[in-house]
N, C-alpha and C. Protein backbone atom coordinates (compact mmCIF):
# COMPACT_ATOMS: atom_id res chain seq x y z
N MET A 1 125.44 82.71 96.69
CA MET A 1 125.15 82.24 98.03
C MET A 1 123.91 81.38 97.99
N SER A 2 123.66 80.64 99.05
CA SER A 2 122.54 79.70 99.03
C SER A 2 121.58 79.94 100.18
N ASP A 3 120.50 79.21 100.15
CA ASP A 3 119.50 79.21 101.22
C ASP A 3 118.95 80.60 101.52
N GLY A 4 118.63 81.36 100.47
CA GLY A 4 117.97 82.63 100.65
C GLY A 4 118.91 83.81 100.81
N GLN A 5 120.20 83.59 100.90
CA GLN A 5 121.14 84.69 101.09
C GLN A 5 121.54 85.27 99.73
N VAL A 6 121.64 86.58 99.68
CA VAL A 6 122.20 87.26 98.52
C VAL A 6 123.32 88.15 99.03
N GLU A 7 124.02 88.79 98.12
CA GLU A 7 125.18 89.56 98.53
C GLU A 7 124.84 90.64 99.56
N HIS A 8 123.68 91.25 99.44
CA HIS A 8 123.34 92.38 100.30
C HIS A 8 122.15 92.11 101.20
N GLY A 9 121.97 90.91 101.70
CA GLY A 9 120.89 90.73 102.64
C GLY A 9 120.19 89.39 102.54
N GLU A 10 119.05 89.34 103.17
CA GLU A 10 118.25 88.13 103.31
C GLU A 10 117.01 88.24 102.45
N VAL A 11 116.75 87.22 101.65
CA VAL A 11 115.60 87.19 100.76
C VAL A 11 114.33 86.82 101.51
N ARG A 12 114.47 85.93 102.47
CA ARG A 12 113.30 85.37 103.14
C ARG A 12 112.71 86.32 104.18
N MET A 13 111.47 86.05 104.57
CA MET A 13 110.76 86.81 105.59
C MET A 13 110.86 86.07 106.92
N LEU A 14 110.82 86.82 108.01
CA LEU A 14 110.80 86.21 109.34
C LEU A 14 109.36 86.26 109.84
N ILE A 15 108.74 85.09 109.91
CA ILE A 15 107.36 84.97 110.38
C ILE A 15 107.32 83.87 111.43
N GLY A 16 106.85 84.21 112.60
CA GLY A 16 106.75 83.22 113.67
C GLY A 16 108.09 82.64 114.07
N GLY A 17 109.14 83.43 113.97
CA GLY A 17 110.46 82.97 114.36
C GLY A 17 111.17 82.11 113.34
N GLU A 18 110.59 81.98 112.14
CA GLU A 18 111.20 81.15 111.09
C GLU A 18 111.35 81.96 109.81
N LEU A 19 112.49 81.78 109.15
CA LEU A 19 112.70 82.40 107.86
C LEU A 19 112.03 81.57 106.78
N SER A 20 111.27 82.23 105.91
CA SER A 20 110.60 81.49 104.84
C SER A 20 110.42 82.41 103.63
N HIS A 21 110.37 81.79 102.48
CA HIS A 21 110.08 82.52 101.25
C HIS A 21 108.58 82.81 101.21
N SER A 22 108.18 83.75 100.37
CA SER A 22 106.75 84.04 100.25
C SER A 22 106.01 82.79 99.76
N ALA A 23 104.75 82.70 100.11
CA ALA A 23 103.96 81.51 99.78
C ALA A 23 103.92 81.25 98.28
N ASP A 24 103.89 82.32 97.49
CA ASP A 24 103.82 82.12 96.04
C ASP A 24 105.18 82.27 95.35
N GLY A 25 106.23 82.45 96.14
CA GLY A 25 107.58 82.55 95.58
C GLY A 25 107.93 83.89 94.98
N ALA A 26 107.03 84.87 95.06
CA ALA A 26 107.28 86.18 94.44
C ALA A 26 108.37 86.94 95.22
N GLN A 27 109.14 87.73 94.47
CA GLN A 27 110.18 88.58 95.05
C GLN A 27 110.13 89.94 94.37
N PHE A 28 110.75 90.91 95.02
CA PHE A 28 110.94 92.21 94.37
C PHE A 28 112.36 92.68 94.63
N ALA A 29 112.84 93.55 93.77
CA ALA A 29 114.19 94.06 93.89
C ALA A 29 114.23 95.22 94.89
N ASN A 30 115.21 95.19 95.77
CA ASN A 30 115.50 96.33 96.65
C ASN A 30 116.47 97.22 95.89
N LEU A 31 116.06 98.45 95.68
CA LEU A 31 116.87 99.37 94.89
C LEU A 31 117.56 100.40 95.75
N ASN A 32 118.79 100.74 95.37
CA ASN A 32 119.50 101.84 95.98
C ASN A 32 118.81 103.13 95.52
N PRO A 33 118.28 103.94 96.43
CA PRO A 33 117.55 105.13 96.00
C PRO A 33 118.44 106.17 95.32
N ALA A 34 119.74 106.11 95.56
CA ALA A 34 120.64 107.09 94.95
C ALA A 34 120.87 106.84 93.47
N ASP A 35 121.00 105.56 93.09
CA ASP A 35 121.30 105.29 91.69
C ASP A 35 120.45 104.18 91.07
N GLU A 36 119.51 103.66 91.85
CA GLU A 36 118.57 102.63 91.41
C GLU A 36 119.22 101.31 90.99
N THR A 37 120.43 101.06 91.50
CA THR A 37 121.02 99.74 91.28
C THR A 37 120.35 98.75 92.22
N VAL A 38 120.31 97.50 91.80
CA VAL A 38 119.69 96.46 92.62
C VAL A 38 120.66 96.06 93.72
N LEU A 39 120.20 96.20 94.98
CA LEU A 39 121.00 95.81 96.13
C LEU A 39 120.80 94.36 96.49
N GLY A 40 119.63 93.85 96.16
CA GLY A 40 119.28 92.48 96.49
C GLY A 40 117.81 92.27 96.23
N TYR A 41 117.31 91.13 96.64
CA TYR A 41 115.90 90.80 96.44
C TYR A 41 115.26 90.42 97.76
N THR A 42 113.98 90.64 97.85
CA THR A 42 113.21 90.36 99.06
C THR A 42 111.94 89.63 98.67
N SER A 43 111.52 88.70 99.51
CA SER A 43 110.24 88.02 99.27
C SER A 43 109.12 89.04 99.29
N ASP A 44 108.23 88.91 98.35
CA ASP A 44 107.07 89.81 98.23
C ASP A 44 105.89 89.10 98.88
N ALA A 45 105.52 89.54 100.07
CA ALA A 45 104.49 88.86 100.86
C ALA A 45 103.16 88.82 100.13
N SER A 46 102.55 87.66 100.17
CA SER A 46 101.23 87.44 99.59
C SER A 46 100.18 87.56 100.69
N PRO A 47 98.90 87.58 100.34
CA PRO A 47 97.86 87.57 101.38
C PRO A 47 98.02 86.38 102.35
N ALA A 48 98.43 85.23 101.84
CA ALA A 48 98.64 84.07 102.71
C ALA A 48 99.76 84.34 103.71
N ASP A 49 100.82 85.05 103.28
CA ASP A 49 101.91 85.40 104.18
C ASP A 49 101.44 86.38 105.25
N PHE A 50 100.61 87.33 104.86
CA PHE A 50 100.05 88.26 105.85
C PHE A 50 99.25 87.50 106.90
N GLU A 51 98.45 86.57 106.46
CA GLU A 51 97.65 85.77 107.39
C GLU A 51 98.54 84.99 108.35
N ARG A 52 99.62 84.39 107.83
CA ARG A 52 100.56 83.66 108.70
C ARG A 52 101.21 84.59 109.71
N ALA A 53 101.59 85.79 109.26
CA ALA A 53 102.24 86.75 110.15
C ALA A 53 101.27 87.23 111.24
N ILE A 54 100.05 87.49 110.85
CA ILE A 54 99.05 87.93 111.83
C ILE A 54 98.78 86.82 112.85
N ALA A 55 98.66 85.60 112.37
CA ALA A 55 98.43 84.46 113.28
C ALA A 55 99.61 84.28 114.22
N ALA A 56 100.83 84.44 113.72
CA ALA A 56 102.02 84.29 114.56
C ALA A 56 102.08 85.39 115.61
N ALA A 57 101.75 86.62 115.23
CA ALA A 57 101.74 87.72 116.19
C ALA A 57 100.67 87.51 117.25
N ARG A 58 99.50 87.06 116.82
CA ARG A 58 98.42 86.81 117.77
C ARG A 58 98.82 85.71 118.76
N SER A 59 99.44 84.65 118.24
CA SER A 59 99.88 83.56 119.10
C SER A 59 100.93 84.03 120.10
N ALA A 60 101.87 84.84 119.64
CA ALA A 60 102.90 85.36 120.54
C ALA A 60 102.26 86.22 121.63
N PHE A 61 101.30 87.02 121.25
CA PHE A 61 100.62 87.87 122.23
C PHE A 61 99.83 87.05 123.23
N ASP A 62 99.12 86.05 122.74
CA ASP A 62 98.25 85.24 123.61
C ASP A 62 99.00 84.21 124.44
N ASN A 63 100.13 83.71 123.96
CA ASN A 63 100.76 82.55 124.58
C ASN A 63 102.14 82.78 125.17
N THR A 64 102.59 84.02 125.22
CA THR A 64 103.89 84.30 125.82
C THR A 64 103.73 85.41 126.85
N GLU A 65 104.76 85.60 127.62
CA GLU A 65 104.70 86.61 128.68
C GLU A 65 105.24 87.98 128.27
N TRP A 66 105.76 88.12 127.06
CA TRP A 66 106.35 89.40 126.70
C TRP A 66 105.36 90.54 126.77
N ARG A 67 104.08 90.25 126.54
CA ARG A 67 103.08 91.33 126.56
C ARG A 67 102.94 91.93 127.94
N ASN A 68 103.30 91.17 128.99
CA ASN A 68 103.20 91.65 130.36
C ASN A 68 104.53 92.17 130.90
N ASP A 69 105.56 92.19 130.06
CA ASP A 69 106.89 92.60 130.50
C ASP A 69 107.00 94.12 130.49
N THR A 70 106.69 94.74 131.63
CA THR A 70 106.71 96.21 131.70
C THR A 70 108.12 96.77 131.56
N ASN A 71 109.13 96.02 131.98
CA ASN A 71 110.51 96.49 131.82
C ASN A 71 110.87 96.60 130.35
N CYS A 72 110.45 95.63 129.56
CA CYS A 72 110.70 95.67 128.11
C CYS A 72 109.99 96.87 127.49
N ALA A 73 108.72 97.05 127.81
CA ALA A 73 107.94 98.16 127.25
C ALA A 73 108.57 99.50 127.64
N ARG A 74 108.97 99.62 128.89
CA ARG A 74 109.59 100.87 129.36
C ARG A 74 110.90 101.11 128.62
N SER A 75 111.68 100.07 128.41
CA SER A 75 112.95 100.20 127.71
C SER A 75 112.75 100.68 126.28
N VAL A 76 111.77 100.10 125.58
CA VAL A 76 111.47 100.52 124.20
C VAL A 76 111.03 101.97 124.17
N CYS A 77 110.13 102.35 125.08
CA CYS A 77 109.65 103.74 125.13
C CYS A 77 110.79 104.70 125.43
N ASP A 78 111.65 104.36 126.38
CA ASP A 78 112.78 105.21 126.73
C ASP A 78 113.73 105.37 125.55
N SER A 79 113.99 104.27 124.85
CA SER A 79 114.88 104.32 123.69
C SER A 79 114.30 105.22 122.60
N CYS A 80 113.03 105.07 122.32
CA CYS A 80 112.38 105.91 121.30
C CYS A 80 112.43 107.38 121.71
N THR A 81 112.15 107.66 122.97
CA THR A 81 112.16 109.04 123.45
C THR A 81 113.54 109.66 123.29
N ARG A 82 114.58 108.91 123.66
CA ARG A 82 115.95 109.42 123.51
C ARG A 82 116.27 109.72 122.05
N ARG A 83 115.90 108.81 121.17
CA ARG A 83 116.21 109.01 119.75
C ARG A 83 115.43 110.19 119.17
N TRP A 84 114.15 110.29 119.53
CA TRP A 84 113.37 111.42 119.03
C TRP A 84 113.94 112.74 119.53
N SER A 85 114.39 112.77 120.77
CA SER A 85 114.93 114.02 121.32
C SER A 85 116.22 114.42 120.61
N ARG A 86 116.90 113.45 120.00
CA ARG A 86 118.13 113.74 119.23
C ARG A 86 117.83 113.82 117.73
N ASN A 87 116.54 113.87 117.38
CA ASN A 87 116.10 113.91 115.98
C ASN A 87 116.60 112.73 115.16
N GLU A 88 116.64 111.55 115.81
CA GLU A 88 117.02 110.32 115.12
C GLU A 88 115.78 109.50 114.86
N ARG A 89 115.90 108.55 113.95
CA ARG A 89 114.80 107.63 113.71
C ARG A 89 114.64 106.73 114.92
N PRO A 90 113.39 106.52 115.39
CA PRO A 90 113.21 105.70 116.58
C PRO A 90 113.44 104.21 116.34
N PHE A 91 113.31 103.75 115.14
CA PHE A 91 113.51 102.33 114.84
C PHE A 91 114.52 102.21 113.72
N GLY A 92 115.26 101.15 113.73
CA GLY A 92 116.25 100.91 112.69
C GLY A 92 117.54 101.66 113.00
N PRO A 93 118.45 101.68 112.04
CA PRO A 93 119.74 102.30 112.26
C PRO A 93 119.60 103.81 112.46
N SER A 94 120.50 104.36 113.24
CA SER A 94 120.49 105.79 113.50
C SER A 94 121.02 106.55 112.32
C-alpha cells in the first residue's frame, strides 16, 4: 500500500488535523501482544513532533469554540460514566 498505509493501519500521526510522518522518519513496530507478530508500523514521535502537537492543541484551544461547547463536554462525560459503570474502557473500543 502507499502513502503511509500498511495492511493493519496507519503509519502517520495526526497532528493539527493533518497526517504526517515523524520529523526524523523514525518508526516502531506495533506488536500483537499474544504472539509478538508485527501488526504494522507507527511513526515514532520525536521531540519536534511533540512540540508540533502541543502547538496544534494550544491553537485549537485558543482559536476555536470547542472549548466552550458544554454539550460536547457533557456528552463525553456521560459516555465515560456509562462505560465505567459497565466496567468498559472509557476511550477506544469496548
